[in-house]
């Protein structure tokens, strides 16, 4: 196994606090009515899945248009015992591509995306083509 990168992040104050990454490239002020951890998770998953989609398409010699997009929706739930959990719904848009072909690429990307691997069998994740 070859490690490609490492990053760490530190927060103070939880959902109403602030945080930053170890390289200071990203800082966030959290607020229950503003930026939440779910925002960052959705952005990270979206970018990661997009990169996985590019890798899978490239390996298959398929050209993705520059305006392809991945939208990730992350709801926060409270269970009956007062515990919290999230889910993720991914919708991929690939303009000009046949839906069946896009669905095959999206499923292949879902198998290699690190976020998809990390969430598999942990949270509900749905993946589809818009």
N, C-alpha and C. Protein backbone atom coordinates (compact mmCIF):
# COMPACT_ATOMS: atom_id res chain seq x y z
N UNK A 1 0.84 -1.17 0.00
CA UNK A 1 0.00 0.00 0.00
C UNK A 1 0.90 1.24 0.00
N UNK A 2 0.56 2.22 -0.81
CA UNK A 2 1.32 3.46 -0.92
C UNK A 2 0.46 4.62 -0.42
N UNK A 3 0.92 5.31 0.61
CA UNK A 3 0.20 6.46 1.12
C UNK A 3 0.42 7.65 0.20
N UNK A 4 -0.68 8.28 -0.24
CA UNK A 4 -0.58 9.38 -1.18
C UNK A 4 -0.57 10.76 -0.52
N UNK A 5 -1.28 10.89 0.59
CA UNK A 5 -1.30 12.17 1.30
C UNK A 5 -1.84 11.98 2.70
N UNK A 6 -1.66 13.00 3.51
CA UNK A 6 -2.19 13.02 4.87
C UNK A 6 -2.58 14.45 5.22
N UNK A 7 -3.71 14.61 5.85
CA UNK A 7 -4.11 15.92 6.35
C UNK A 7 -4.79 15.71 7.69
N UNK A 8 -4.66 16.68 8.55
CA UNK A 8 -5.39 16.63 9.81
C UNK A 8 -6.12 17.95 9.99
N UNK A 9 -7.13 17.92 10.82
CA UNK A 9 -7.92 19.11 11.10
C UNK A 9 -8.22 19.14 12.58
N UNK A 10 -8.29 20.35 13.12
CA UNK A 10 -8.58 20.55 14.53
C UNK A 10 -9.74 21.52 14.66
N UNK A 11 -10.69 21.18 15.52
CA UNK A 11 -11.80 22.09 15.80
C UNK A 11 -11.86 22.35 17.30
N UNK A 12 -12.42 23.48 17.65
CA UNK A 12 -12.68 23.83 19.05
C UNK A 12 -14.11 24.36 19.12
N UNK A 13 -14.88 23.87 20.04
CA UNK A 13 -16.24 24.37 20.20
C UNK A 13 -17.32 23.58 19.50
N UNK A 14 -16.97 22.45 18.91
CA UNK A 14 -17.98 21.59 18.28
C UNK A 14 -18.73 22.27 17.16
N UNK A 15 -20.05 22.05 17.09
CA UNK A 15 -20.87 22.56 16.00
C UNK A 15 -21.05 24.07 16.04
N UNK A 16 -20.64 24.70 17.10
CA UNK A 16 -20.73 26.17 17.20
C UNK A 16 -19.32 26.77 17.32
N UNK A 17 -18.32 26.02 16.93
CA UNK A 17 -16.94 26.47 17.09
C UNK A 17 -16.28 26.79 15.76
N UNK A 18 -14.96 26.64 15.75
CA UNK A 18 -14.22 26.89 14.52
C UNK A 18 -13.14 25.84 14.38
N UNK A 19 -12.63 25.73 13.17
CA UNK A 19 -11.61 24.74 12.92
C UNK A 19 -10.72 25.13 11.77
N UNK A 20 -9.63 24.38 11.64
CA UNK A 20 -8.69 24.62 10.55
C UNK A 20 -7.92 23.33 10.25
N UNK A 21 -7.39 23.26 9.04
CA UNK A 21 -6.57 22.12 8.67
C UNK A 21 -5.13 22.38 9.08
N UNK A 22 -4.36 21.32 9.17
CA UNK A 22 -2.98 21.42 9.64
C UNK A 22 -2.11 22.27 8.72
N UNK A 23 -2.48 22.36 7.44
CA UNK A 23 -1.71 23.19 6.52
C UNK A 23 -2.30 24.59 6.36
N UNK A 24 -3.34 24.89 7.13
CA UNK A 24 -4.03 26.19 7.13
C UNK A 24 -4.64 26.56 5.78
N UNK A 25 -4.89 25.60 4.93
CA UNK A 25 -5.54 25.89 3.65
C UNK A 25 -7.04 26.06 3.79
N UNK A 26 -7.60 25.53 4.86
CA UNK A 26 -9.04 25.64 5.06
C UNK A 26 -9.32 25.99 6.50
N UNK A 27 -10.12 27.00 6.69
CA UNK A 27 -10.62 27.38 8.01
C UNK A 27 -12.12 27.45 7.93
N UNK A 28 -12.80 27.07 8.98
CA UNK A 28 -14.26 27.11 8.98
C UNK A 28 -14.77 27.57 10.33
N UNK A 29 -15.77 28.41 10.28
CA UNK A 29 -16.50 28.83 11.47
C UNK A 29 -17.83 28.08 11.42
N UNK A 30 -18.08 27.25 12.42
CA UNK A 30 -19.30 26.45 12.43
C UNK A 30 -20.40 27.16 13.20
N UNK A 31 -21.64 26.87 12.80
CA UNK A 31 -22.80 27.44 13.46
C UNK A 31 -23.99 26.54 13.17
N UNK A 32 -24.82 26.26 14.15
CA UNK A 32 -26.00 25.41 13.89
C UNK A 32 -26.91 25.96 12.80
N UNK A 33 -26.88 27.26 12.58
CA UNK A 33 -27.72 27.86 11.54
C UNK A 33 -26.90 28.32 10.33
N UNK A 34 -25.62 28.01 10.33
CA UNK A 34 -24.73 28.40 9.23
C UNK A 34 -23.99 27.20 8.70
N UNK A 35 -22.67 27.27 8.65
CA UNK A 35 -21.85 26.15 8.18
C UNK A 35 -21.83 25.04 9.23
N UNK A 36 -22.10 23.83 8.78
CA UNK A 36 -22.12 22.67 9.67
C UNK A 36 -21.13 21.63 9.17
N UNK A 37 -20.80 20.63 9.97
CA UNK A 37 -19.94 19.55 9.49
C UNK A 37 -20.51 18.84 8.26
N UNK A 38 -21.84 18.83 8.15
CA UNK A 38 -22.47 18.18 7.00
C UNK A 38 -22.13 18.92 5.69
N UNK A 39 -21.96 20.25 5.77
CA UNK A 39 -21.54 21.01 4.59
C UNK A 39 -20.18 20.50 4.09
N UNK A 40 -19.26 20.36 5.01
CA UNK A 40 -17.91 19.94 4.62
C UNK A 40 -17.90 18.49 4.13
N UNK A 41 -18.68 17.64 4.76
CA UNK A 41 -18.77 16.25 4.31
C UNK A 41 -19.33 16.19 2.89
N UNK A 42 -20.41 16.95 2.62
CA UNK A 42 -21.02 16.96 1.30
C UNK A 42 -20.03 17.45 0.24
N UNK A 43 -19.31 18.53 0.53
CA UNK A 43 -18.32 19.04 -0.42
C UNK A 43 -17.19 18.04 -0.66
N UNK A 44 -16.68 17.47 0.42
CA UNK A 44 -15.60 16.50 0.29
C UNK A 44 -16.01 15.28 -0.50
N UNK A 45 -17.20 14.75 -0.20
CA UNK A 45 -17.69 13.56 -0.92
C UNK A 45 -17.90 13.90 -2.39
N UNK A 46 -18.47 15.07 -2.66
CA UNK A 46 -18.71 15.47 -4.05
C UNK A 46 -17.42 15.56 -4.84
N UNK A 47 -16.42 16.22 -4.29
CA UNK A 47 -15.13 16.36 -4.99
C UNK A 47 -14.45 15.01 -5.17
N UNK A 48 -14.46 14.20 -4.13
CA UNK A 48 -13.82 12.89 -4.19
C UNK A 48 -14.51 11.99 -5.21
N UNK A 49 -15.84 11.99 -5.21
CA UNK A 49 -16.57 11.15 -6.16
C UNK A 49 -16.33 11.63 -7.58
N UNK A 50 -16.26 12.94 -7.77
CA UNK A 50 -15.96 13.48 -9.10
C UNK A 50 -14.61 13.01 -9.59
N UNK A 51 -13.62 13.00 -8.72
CA UNK A 51 -12.29 12.52 -9.10
C UNK A 51 -12.31 11.03 -9.41
N UNK A 52 -13.06 10.26 -8.64
CA UNK A 52 -13.20 8.82 -8.91
C UNK A 52 -13.86 8.61 -10.27
N UNK A 53 -14.85 9.42 -10.57
CA UNK A 53 -15.53 9.32 -11.86
C UNK A 53 -14.56 9.62 -13.01
N UNK A 54 -13.73 10.65 -12.84
CA UNK A 54 -12.72 10.98 -13.85
C UNK A 54 -11.73 9.83 -14.03
N UNK A 55 -11.32 9.22 -12.94
CA UNK A 55 -10.35 8.12 -13.02
C UNK A 55 -10.95 6.92 -13.75
N UNK A 56 -12.18 6.57 -13.41
CA UNK A 56 -12.83 5.43 -14.05
C UNK A 56 -13.05 5.72 -15.53
N UNK A 57 -13.52 6.92 -15.85
CA UNK A 57 -13.74 7.28 -17.25
C UNK A 57 -12.42 7.26 -18.02
N UNK A 58 -11.37 7.80 -17.44
CA UNK A 58 -10.06 7.81 -18.09
C UNK A 58 -9.55 6.42 -18.37
N UNK A 59 -9.72 5.51 -17.41
CA UNK A 59 -9.27 4.13 -17.59
C UNK A 59 -10.03 3.44 -18.71
N UNK A 60 -11.27 3.87 -18.94
CA UNK A 60 -12.09 3.28 -20.00
C UNK A 60 -12.02 4.09 -21.30
N UNK A 61 -11.12 5.10 -21.31
CA UNK A 61 -10.95 5.96 -22.50
C UNK A 61 -12.25 6.69 -22.87
N UNK A 62 -13.01 7.07 -21.84
CA UNK A 62 -14.26 7.81 -22.05
C UNK A 62 -14.01 9.27 -21.66
N UNK A 63 -14.37 10.17 -22.52
CA UNK A 63 -14.19 11.60 -22.28
C UNK A 63 -15.39 12.15 -21.50
N UNK A 64 -15.12 12.74 -20.35
CA UNK A 64 -16.18 13.42 -19.60
C UNK A 64 -16.20 14.90 -20.00
N UNK A 65 -17.38 15.46 -20.16
CA UNK A 65 -17.45 16.89 -20.48
C UNK A 65 -16.99 17.70 -19.26
N UNK A 66 -16.45 18.90 -19.49
CA UNK A 66 -15.95 19.70 -18.37
C UNK A 66 -17.04 20.14 -17.39
N UNK A 67 -18.30 20.10 -17.82
CA UNK A 67 -19.37 20.54 -16.93
C UNK A 67 -20.10 19.39 -16.23
N UNK A 68 -19.46 18.20 -16.17
CA UNK A 68 -20.09 17.13 -15.39
C UNK A 68 -20.12 17.59 -13.92
N UNK A 69 -21.09 17.09 -13.18
CA UNK A 69 -21.24 17.56 -11.80
C UNK A 69 -21.71 16.42 -10.89
N UNK A 70 -21.31 16.53 -9.63
CA UNK A 70 -21.76 15.59 -8.60
C UNK A 70 -22.37 16.41 -7.47
N UNK A 71 -23.64 16.18 -7.20
CA UNK A 71 -24.33 16.85 -6.09
C UNK A 71 -24.54 15.84 -4.98
N UNK A 72 -24.07 16.18 -3.80
CA UNK A 72 -24.23 15.30 -2.64
C UNK A 72 -25.10 16.01 -1.61
N UNK A 73 -26.19 15.36 -1.24
CA UNK A 73 -27.09 15.87 -0.22
C UNK A 73 -26.87 15.05 1.05
N UNK A 74 -26.65 15.74 2.16
CA UNK A 74 -26.36 15.07 3.43
C UNK A 74 -27.36 15.52 4.50
N UNK A 75 -28.39 14.71 4.74
CA UNK A 75 -29.31 15.04 5.82
C UNK A 75 -28.76 14.58 7.17
N UNK A 76 -29.11 15.31 8.20
CA UNK A 76 -28.77 14.94 9.58
C UNK A 76 -30.06 14.48 10.25
N UNK A 77 -30.03 13.32 10.86
CA UNK A 77 -31.19 12.74 11.50
C UNK A 77 -30.97 12.57 13.00
N UNK A 78 -32.07 12.50 13.74
CA UNK A 78 -32.04 12.10 15.15
C UNK A 78 -32.86 10.83 15.26
N UNK A 79 -32.28 9.81 15.88
CA UNK A 79 -33.03 8.56 16.04
C UNK A 79 -33.94 8.63 17.26
N UNK A 80 -34.68 7.56 17.51
CA UNK A 80 -35.65 7.53 18.60
C UNK A 80 -35.02 7.58 19.99
N UNK A 81 -33.72 7.34 20.08
CA UNK A 81 -33.03 7.35 21.37
C UNK A 81 -32.23 8.63 21.58
N UNK A 82 -32.39 9.62 20.69
CA UNK A 82 -31.68 10.88 20.84
C UNK A 82 -30.30 10.90 20.23
N UNK A 83 -29.94 9.85 19.50
CA UNK A 83 -28.65 9.81 18.81
C UNK A 83 -28.77 10.43 17.42
N UNK A 84 -27.65 10.80 16.85
CA UNK A 84 -27.63 11.44 15.55
C UNK A 84 -26.96 10.55 14.51
N UNK A 85 -27.38 10.72 13.26
CA UNK A 85 -26.72 10.03 12.17
C UNK A 85 -26.97 10.79 10.87
N UNK A 86 -26.15 10.50 9.87
CA UNK A 86 -26.28 11.13 8.56
C UNK A 86 -26.50 10.07 7.49
N UNK A 87 -26.88 10.54 6.33
CA UNK A 87 -26.98 9.71 5.13
C UNK A 87 -26.38 10.53 4.00
N UNK A 88 -26.28 9.97 2.83
CA UNK A 88 -25.78 10.71 1.67
C UNK A 88 -26.52 10.26 0.42
N UNK A 89 -26.93 11.24 -0.37
CA UNK A 89 -27.57 10.98 -1.65
C UNK A 89 -26.76 11.68 -2.73
N UNK A 90 -26.22 10.91 -3.67
CA UNK A 90 -25.39 11.45 -4.75
C UNK A 90 -26.16 11.42 -6.05
N UNK A 91 -26.14 12.55 -6.73
CA UNK A 91 -26.74 12.67 -8.06
C UNK A 91 -25.65 13.17 -9.00
N UNK A 92 -25.39 12.43 -10.06
CA UNK A 92 -24.36 12.78 -11.02
C UNK A 92 -25.01 13.24 -12.31
N UNK A 93 -24.49 14.33 -12.84
CA UNK A 93 -24.96 14.87 -14.11
C UNK A 93 -23.79 14.84 -15.10
N UNK A 94 -23.99 14.15 -16.21
CA UNK A 94 -22.98 14.09 -17.27
C UNK A 94 -23.66 14.50 -18.57
N UNK A 95 -23.63 15.80 -18.87
CA UNK A 95 -24.31 16.28 -20.07
C UNK A 95 -23.83 15.57 -21.34
N UNK A 96 -24.80 15.21 -22.18
CA UNK A 96 -24.47 14.60 -23.46
C UNK A 96 -24.18 13.11 -23.42
N UNK A 97 -24.19 12.51 -22.25
CA UNK A 97 -23.90 11.07 -22.17
C UNK A 97 -25.19 10.29 -22.02
N UNK A 98 -25.27 9.17 -22.70
CA UNK A 98 -26.39 8.25 -22.58
C UNK A 98 -26.54 7.85 -21.11
N UNK A 99 -27.78 7.84 -20.61
CA UNK A 99 -28.02 7.56 -19.20
C UNK A 99 -27.51 6.19 -18.77
N UNK A 100 -27.69 5.18 -19.59
CA UNK A 100 -27.23 3.83 -19.24
C UNK A 100 -25.71 3.80 -19.12
N UNK A 101 -25.01 4.48 -20.03
CA UNK A 101 -23.55 4.54 -19.96
C UNK A 101 -23.11 5.32 -18.72
N UNK A 102 -23.81 6.42 -18.43
CA UNK A 102 -23.49 7.21 -17.24
C UNK A 102 -23.69 6.39 -15.97
N UNK A 103 -24.76 5.62 -15.92
CA UNK A 103 -25.02 4.80 -14.74
C UNK A 103 -23.92 3.77 -14.50
N UNK A 104 -23.38 3.19 -15.57
CA UNK A 104 -22.28 2.23 -15.43
C UNK A 104 -21.03 2.91 -14.88
N UNK A 105 -20.73 4.10 -15.39
CA UNK A 105 -19.57 4.85 -14.89
C UNK A 105 -19.75 5.23 -13.43
N UNK A 106 -20.94 5.67 -13.08
CA UNK A 106 -21.22 6.09 -11.70
C UNK A 106 -21.08 4.91 -10.75
N UNK A 107 -21.59 3.75 -11.14
CA UNK A 107 -21.46 2.57 -10.27
C UNK A 107 -20.00 2.17 -10.12
N UNK A 108 -19.23 2.24 -11.19
CA UNK A 108 -17.80 1.93 -11.11
C UNK A 108 -17.08 2.93 -10.20
N UNK A 109 -17.42 4.21 -10.31
CA UNK A 109 -16.82 5.23 -9.45
C UNK A 109 -17.18 4.98 -7.99
N UNK A 110 -18.40 4.53 -7.75
CA UNK A 110 -18.85 4.25 -6.37
C UNK A 110 -18.03 3.12 -5.74
N UNK A 111 -17.49 2.23 -6.56
CA UNK A 111 -16.68 1.13 -6.04
C UNK A 111 -15.26 1.57 -5.68
N UNK A 112 -14.76 2.64 -6.30
CA UNK A 112 -13.37 3.06 -6.05
C UNK A 112 -13.24 4.34 -5.23
N UNK A 113 -14.29 5.13 -5.12
CA UNK A 113 -14.22 6.39 -4.37
C UNK A 113 -13.92 6.13 -2.89
N UNK A 114 -12.89 6.77 -2.33
CA UNK A 114 -12.56 6.57 -0.92
C UNK A 114 -13.71 6.91 0.04
N UNK A 115 -14.50 7.94 -0.26
CA UNK A 115 -15.64 8.27 0.60
C UNK A 115 -16.69 7.16 0.52
N UNK A 116 -16.93 6.65 -0.67
CA UNK A 116 -17.89 5.55 -0.81
C UNK A 116 -17.43 4.33 -0.04
N UNK A 117 -16.13 4.04 -0.12
CA UNK A 117 -15.60 2.90 0.63
C UNK A 117 -15.72 3.12 2.13
N UNK A 118 -15.45 4.35 2.59
CA UNK A 118 -15.50 4.65 4.02
C UNK A 118 -16.92 4.58 4.57
N UNK A 119 -17.90 4.93 3.75
CA UNK A 119 -19.28 4.95 4.23
C UNK A 119 -20.01 3.63 4.00
N UNK A 120 -19.46 2.78 3.15
CA UNK A 120 -20.15 1.52 2.82
C UNK A 120 -20.43 0.71 4.07
N UNK A 121 -21.68 0.32 4.21
CA UNK A 121 -22.17 -0.46 5.36
C UNK A 121 -22.12 0.33 6.68
N UNK A 122 -21.93 1.65 6.59
CA UNK A 122 -21.94 2.49 7.79
C UNK A 122 -23.13 3.43 7.79
N UNK A 123 -23.38 4.07 6.66
CA UNK A 123 -24.52 4.98 6.52
C UNK A 123 -25.24 4.63 5.23
N UNK A 124 -26.49 5.07 5.11
CA UNK A 124 -27.23 4.87 3.87
C UNK A 124 -26.69 5.82 2.82
N UNK A 125 -26.27 5.27 1.69
CA UNK A 125 -25.79 6.06 0.56
C UNK A 125 -26.55 5.62 -0.67
N UNK A 126 -27.16 6.59 -1.35
CA UNK A 126 -27.79 6.32 -2.62
C UNK A 126 -27.04 7.07 -3.70
N UNK A 127 -26.92 6.44 -4.86
CA UNK A 127 -26.15 7.01 -5.97
C UNK A 127 -27.01 6.89 -7.23
N UNK A 128 -27.09 7.98 -7.98
CA UNK A 128 -27.87 7.94 -9.22
C UNK A 128 -27.41 8.98 -10.22
N UNK A 129 -27.99 8.86 -11.40
CA UNK A 129 -27.70 9.79 -12.49
C UNK A 129 -28.91 10.69 -12.65
N UNK A 130 -28.65 11.99 -12.67
CA UNK A 130 -29.75 12.96 -12.80
C UNK A 130 -30.17 13.08 -14.25
